[in-house]
Amino acid sequence: MKNLLENINNLIADFQKDAEMQVENGNKAAGTRARKTSLAIEKALKEFRKLSIEDSKK
């Protein structure tokens, strides 16, 4: 679970960096990376939710 949280934090940091580059500089490649990272974040958050529910049942 700790590794998952670290992964989520890293993905969010990457997303923020790329999203800012797209908004501020109009960098289209950064926008593509941000969209790709957002999908990875969504997947990781679903995994977190699953593990969190399992832990709460113990």
PDB file of N, CA and C in Angstrom:
ATOM      1  N   MET A   1       0.834  -1.187   0.000  1.00  0.00           N
ATOM      2  CA  MET A   1       0.000   0.000   0.000  1.00  0.00           C
ATOM      3  C   MET A   1       0.880   1.252   0.000  1.00  0.00           C
ATOM      4  N   LYS A   2       1.981   1.199   0.746  1.00  0.00           N
ATOM      5  CA  LYS A   2       2.875   2.356   0.804  1.00  0.00           C
ATOM      6  C   LYS A   2       3.476   2.645  -0.576  1.00  0.00           C
ATOM      7  N   ASN A   3       3.852   1.580  -1.296  1.00  0.00           N
ATOM      8  CA  ASN A   3       4.407   1.753  -2.641  1.00  0.00           C
ATOM      9  C   ASN A   3       3.371   2.361  -3.584  1.00  0.00           C
ATOM     10  N   LEU A   4       2.136   1.935  -3.416  1.00  0.00           N
ATOM     11  CA  LEU A   4       1.058   2.463  -4.251  1.00  0.00           C
ATOM     12  C   LEU A   4       0.884   3.965  -4.016  1.00  0.00           C
ATOM     13  N   LEU A   5       0.931   4.386  -2.748  1.00  0.00           N
ATOM     14  CA  LEU A   5       0.807   5.809  -2.434  1.00  0.00           C
ATOM     15  C   LEU A   5       1.961   6.616  -3.027  1.00  0.00           C
ATOM     16  N   GLU A   6       3.167   6.076  -2.959  1.00  0.00           N
ATOM     17  CA  GLU A   6       4.320   6.762  -3.551  1.00  0.00           C
ATOM     18  C   GLU A   6       4.137   6.885  -5.062  1.00  0.00           C
ATOM     19  N   ASN A   7       3.648   5.825  -5.679  1.00  0.00           N
ATOM     20  CA  ASN A   7       3.411   5.836  -7.123  1.00  0.00           C
ATOM     21  C   ASN A   7       2.369   6.892  -7.492  1.00  0.00           C
ATOM     22  N   ILE A   8       1.289   6.957  -6.722  1.00  0.00           N
ATOM     23  CA  ILE A   8       0.242   7.949  -6.986  1.00  0.00           C
ATOM     24  C   ILE A   8       0.806   9.358  -6.861  1.00  0.00           C
ATOM     25  N   ASN A   9       1.587   9.600  -5.820  1.00  0.00           N
ATOM     26  CA  ASN A   9       2.180  10.929  -5.635  1.00  0.00           C
ATOM     27  C   ASN A   9       3.109  11.293  -6.785  1.00  0.00           C
ATOM     28  N   ASN A  10       3.897  10.328  -7.260  1.00  0.00           N
ATOM     29  CA  ASN A  10       4.798  10.582  -8.395  1.00  0.00           C
ATOM     30  C   ASN A  10       4.006  10.872  -9.669  1.00  0.00           C
ATOM     31  N   LEU A  11       2.951  10.124  -9.888  1.00  0.00           N
ATOM     32  CA  LEU A  11       2.120  10.347 -11.075  1.00  0.00           C
ATOM     33  C   LEU A  11       1.469  11.723 -11.035  1.00  0.00           C
ATOM     34  N   ILE A  12       0.993  12.126  -9.865  1.00  0.00           N
ATOM     35  CA  ILE A  12       0.357  13.439  -9.735  1.00  0.00           C
ATOM     36  C   ILE A  12       1.369  14.551  -9.997  1.00  0.00           C
ATOM     37  N   ALA A  13       2.593  14.373  -9.479  1.00  0.00           N
ATOM     38  CA  ALA A  13       3.636  15.377  -9.713  1.00  0.00           C
ATOM     39  C   ALA A  13       3.961  15.481 -11.205  1.00  0.00           C
ATOM     40  N   ASP A  14       4.053  14.338 -11.880  1.00  0.00           N
ATOM     41  CA  ASP A  14       4.312  14.339 -13.329  1.00  0.00           C
ATOM     42  C   ASP A  14       3.175  15.017 -14.079  1.00  0.00           C
ATOM     43  N   PHE A  15       1.946  14.700 -13.686  1.00  0.00           N
ATOM     44  CA  PHE A  15       0.784  15.305 -14.333  1.00  0.00           C
ATOM     45  C   PHE A  15       0.797  16.819 -14.176  1.00  0.00           C
ATOM     46  N   GLN A  16       1.063  17.292 -12.969  1.00  0.00           N
ATOM     47  CA  GLN A  16       1.071  18.736 -12.720  1.00  0.00           C
ATOM     48  C   GLN A  16       2.119  19.432 -13.578  1.00  0.00           C
ATOM     49  N   LYS A  17       3.303  18.837 -13.657  1.00  0.00           N
ATOM     50  CA  LYS A  17       4.388  19.426 -14.442  1.00  0.00           C
ATOM     51  C   LYS A  17       3.989  19.531 -15.915  1.00  0.00           C
ATOM     52  N   ASP A  18       3.481  18.423 -16.467  1.00  0.00           N
ATOM     53  CA  ASP A  18       3.127  18.411 -17.887  1.00  0.00           C
ATOM     54  C   ASP A  18       1.918  19.295 -18.178  1.00  0.00           C
ATOM     55  N   ALA A  19       0.934  19.304 -17.288  1.00  0.00           N
ATOM     56  CA  ALA A  19      -0.253  20.135 -17.501  1.00  0.00           C
ATOM     57  C   ALA A  19       0.122  21.615 -17.478  1.00  0.00           C
ATOM     58  N   GLU A  20       1.003  22.001 -16.567  1.00  0.00           N
ATOM     59  CA  GLU A  20       1.452  23.398 -16.520  1.00  0.00           C
ATOM     60  C   GLU A  20       2.213  23.781 -17.783  1.00  0.00           C
ATOM     61  N   MET A  21       3.038  22.859 -18.288  1.00  0.00           N
ATOM     62  CA  MET A  21       3.780  23.147 -19.514  1.00  0.00           C
ATOM     63  C   MET A  21       2.826  23.353 -20.679  1.00  0.00           C
ATOM     64  N   GLN A  22       1.753  22.582 -20.718  1.00  0.00           N
ATOM     65  CA  GLN A  22       0.779  22.727 -21.800  1.00  0.00           C
ATOM     66  C   GLN A  22       0.052  24.063 -21.689  1.00  0.00           C
ATOM     67  N   VAL A  23      -0.388  24.390 -20.489  1.00  0.00           N
ATOM     68  CA  VAL A  23      -1.183  25.608 -20.297  1.00  0.00           C
ATOM     69  C   VAL A  23      -0.329  26.858 -20.498  1.00  0.00           C
ATOM     70  N   GLU A  24       0.846  26.874 -19.896  1.00  0.00           N
ATOM     71  CA  GLU A  24       1.679  28.077 -19.925  1.00  0.00           C
ATOM     72  C   GLU A  24       2.426  28.258 -21.239  1.00  0.00           C
ATOM     73  N   ASN A  25       2.900  27.162 -21.818  1.00  0.00           N
ATOM     74  CA  ASN A  25       3.752  27.271 -23.000  1.00  0.00           C
ATOM     75  C   ASN A  25       3.085  26.773 -24.280  1.00  0.00           C
ATOM     76  N   GLY A  26       1.908  26.195 -24.148  1.00  0.00           N
ATOM     77  CA  GLY A  26       1.244  25.649 -25.323  1.00  0.00           C
ATOM     78  C   GLY A  26       1.944  24.415 -25.873  1.00  0.00           C
ATOM     79  N   ASN A  27       2.658  23.710 -25.014  1.00  0.00           N
ATOM     80  CA  ASN A  27       3.420  22.527 -25.407  1.00  0.00           C
ATOM     81  C   ASN A  27       2.454  21.359 -25.631  1.00  0.00           C
ATOM     82  N   LYS A  28       2.250  20.991 -26.904  1.00  0.00           N
ATOM     83  CA  LYS A  28       1.293  19.938 -27.240  1.00  0.00           C
ATOM     84  C   LYS A  28       1.751  18.572 -26.753  1.00  0.00           C
ATOM     85  N   ALA A  29       3.046  18.302 -26.806  1.00  0.00           N
ATOM     86  CA  ALA A  29       3.572  17.009 -26.340  1.00  0.00           C
ATOM     87  C   ALA A  29       3.342  16.851 -24.835  1.00  0.00           C
ATOM     88  N   ALA A  30       3.482  17.944 -24.094  1.00  0.00           N
ATOM     89  CA  ALA A  30       3.233  17.890 -22.653  1.00  0.00           C
ATOM     90  C   ALA A  30       1.765  17.592 -22.382  1.00  0.00           C
ATOM     91  N   GLY A  31       0.884  18.117 -23.211  1.00  0.00           N
ATOM     92  CA  GLY A  31      -0.541  17.822 -23.070  1.00  0.00           C
ATOM     93  C   GLY A  31      -0.831  16.352 -23.283  1.00  0.00           C
ATOM     94  N   THR A  32      -0.170  15.765 -24.256  1.00  0.00           N
ATOM     95  CA  THR A  32      -0.327  14.334 -24.515  1.00  0.00           C
ATOM     96  C   THR A  32       0.160  13.524 -23.325  1.00  0.00           C
ATOM     97  N   ARG A  33       1.319  13.905 -22.779  1.00  0.00           N
ATOM     98  CA  ARG A  33       1.855  13.203 -21.603  1.00  0.00           C
ATOM     99  C   ARG A  33       0.922  13.361 -20.412  1.00  0.00           C
ATOM    100  N   ALA A  34       0.361  14.537 -20.236  1.00  0.00           N
ATOM    101  CA  ALA A  34      -0.553  14.785 -19.116  1.00  0.00           C
ATOM    102  C   ALA A  34      -1.804  13.914 -19.235  1.00  0.00           C
ATOM    103  N   ARG A  35      -2.334  13.806 -20.436  1.00  0.00           N
ATOM    104  CA  ARG A  35      -3.522  12.960 -20.632  1.00  0.00           C
ATOM    105  C   ARG A  35      -3.199  11.493 -20.358  1.00  0.00           C
ATOM    106  N   LYS A  36      -2.051  11.046 -20.814  1.00  0.00           N
ATOM    107  CA  LYS A  36      -1.632   9.664 -20.571  1.00  0.00           C
ATOM    108  C   LYS A  36      -1.450   9.419 -19.075  1.00  0.00           C
ATOM    109  N   THR A  37      -0.838  10.366 -18.392  1.00  0.00           N
ATOM    110  CA  THR A  37      -0.617  10.235 -16.958  1.00  0.00           C
ATOM    111  C   THR A  37      -1.940  10.247 -16.205  1.00  0.00           C
ATOM    112  N   SER A  38      -2.911  11.026 -16.673  1.00  0.00           N
ATOM    113  CA  SER A  38      -4.206  11.069 -15.994  1.00  0.00           C
ATOM    114  C   SER A  38      -4.879   9.693 -16.012  1.00  0.00           C
ATOM    115  N   LEU A  39      -4.692   8.950 -17.090  1.00  0.00           N
ATOM    116  CA  LEU A  39      -5.241   7.595 -17.151  1.00  0.00           C
ATOM    117  C   LEU A  39      -4.534   6.672 -16.160  1.00  0.00           C
ATOM    118  N   ALA A  40      -3.219   6.836 -16.026  1.00  0.00           N
ATOM    119  CA  ALA A  40      -2.460   6.032 -15.064  1.00  0.00           C
ATOM    120  C   ALA A  40      -2.871   6.370 -13.634  1.00  0.00           C
ATOM    121  N   ILE A  41      -3.138   7.655 -13.378  1.00  0.00           N
ATOM    122  CA  ILE A  41      -3.591   8.082 -12.054  1.00  0.00           C
ATOM    123  C   ILE A  41      -4.939   7.432 -11.747  1.00  0.00           C
ATOM    124  N   GLU A  42      -5.831   7.453 -12.717  1.00  0.00           N
ATOM    125  CA  GLU A  42      -7.154   6.862 -12.526  1.00  0.00           C
ATOM    126  C   GLU A  42      -7.031   5.379 -12.169  1.00  0.00           C
ATOM    127  N   LYS A  43      -6.193   4.662 -12.873  1.00  0.00           N
ATOM    128  CA  LYS A  43      -5.990   3.236 -12.618  1.00  0.00           C
ATOM    129  C   LYS A  43      -5.412   3.018 -11.219  1.00  0.00           C
ATOM    130  N   ALA A  44      -4.427   3.827 -10.836  1.00  0.00           N
ATOM    131  CA  ALA A  44      -3.804   3.690  -9.522  1.00  0.00           C
ATOM    132  C   ALA A  44      -4.792   4.011  -8.404  1.00  0.00           C
ATOM    133  N   LEU A  45      -5.651   5.015  -8.621  1.00  0.00           N
ATOM    134  CA  LEU A  45      -6.639   5.358  -7.604  1.00  0.00           C
ATOM    135  C   LEU A  45      -7.691   4.263  -7.445  1.00  0.00           C
ATOM    136  N   LYS A  46      -8.039   3.601  -8.527  1.00  0.00           N
ATOM    137  CA  LYS A  46      -8.968   2.470  -8.431  1.00  0.00           C
ATOM    138  C   LYS A  46      -8.338   1.339  -7.625  1.00  0.00           C
ATOM    139  N   GLU A  47      -7.056   1.103  -7.850  1.00  0.00           N
ATOM    140  CA  GLU A  47      -6.340   0.074  -7.093  1.00  0.00           C
ATOM    141  C   GLU A  47      -6.279   0.455  -5.611  1.00  0.00           C
ATOM    142  N   PHE A  48      -6.030   1.737  -5.328  1.00  0.00           N
ATOM    143  CA  PHE A  48      -6.019   2.211  -3.944  1.00  0.00           C
ATOM    144  C   PHE A  48      -7.365   1.974  -3.278  1.00  0.00           C
ATOM    145  N   ARG A  49      -8.428   2.301  -3.994  1.00  0.00           N
ATOM    146  CA  ARG A  49      -9.776   2.119  -3.441  1.00  0.00           C
ATOM    147  C   ARG A  49     -10.020   0.653  -3.120  1.00  0.00           C
ATOM    148  N   LYS A  50      -9.624  -0.229  -4.022  1.00  0.00           N
ATOM    149  CA  LYS A  50      -9.793  -1.661  -3.828  1.00  0.00           C
ATOM    150  C   LYS A  50      -9.038  -2.129  -2.582  1.00  0.00           C
ATOM    151  N   LEU A  51      -7.781  -1.742  -2.455  1.00  0.00           N
ATOM    152  CA  LEU A  51      -6.980  -2.144  -1.303  1.00  0.00           C
ATOM    153  C   LEU A  51      -7.501  -1.529  -0.009  1.00  0.00           C
ATOM    154  N   SER A  52      -7.954  -0.305  -0.078  1.00  0.00           N
ATOM    155  CA  SER A  52      -8.485   0.371   1.097  1.00  0.00           C
ATOM    156  C   SER A  52      -9.733  -0.342   1.617  1.00  0.00           C
ATOM    157  N   ILE A  53     -10.589  -0.763   0.731  1.00  0.00           N
ATOM    158  CA  ILE A  53     -11.797  -1.475   1.124  1.00  0.00           C
ATOM    159  C   ILE A  53     -11.436  -2.822   1.754  1.00  0.00           C
ATOM    160  N   GLU A  54     -10.462  -3.513   1.156  1.00  0.00           N
ATOM    161  CA  GLU A  54     -10.025  -4.788   1.708  1.00  0.00           C
ATOM    162  C   GLU A  54      -9.459  -4.620   3.116  1.00  0.00           C
ATOM    163  N   ASP A  55      -8.659  -3.572   3.316  1.00  0.00           N
ATOM    164  CA  ASP A  55      -8.067  -3.321   4.631  1.00  0.00           C
ATOM    165  C   ASP A  55      -9.118  -2.953   5.668  1.00  0.00           C
ATOM    166  N   SER A  56     -10.157  -2.256   5.275  1.00  0.00           N
ATOM    167  CA  SER A  56     -11.190  -1.851   6.223  1.00  0.00           C
ATOM    168  C   SER A  56     -12.044  -3.033   6.672  1.00  0.00           C
ATOM    169  N   LYS A  57     -12.041  -4.105   5.899  1.00  0.00           N
ATOM    170  CA  LYS A  57     -12.836  -5.289   6.256  1.00  0.00           C
ATOM    171  C   LYS A  57     -12.121  -6.186   7.251  1.00  0.00           C
ATOM    172  N   LYS A  58     -10.839  -5.935   7.492  1.00  0.00           N
ATOM    173  CA  LYS A  58     -10.066  -6.777   8.421  1.00  0.00           C
ATOM    174  C   LYS A  58     -10.371  -6.471   9.852  1.00  0.00           C
TER     175      LYS A  58
END
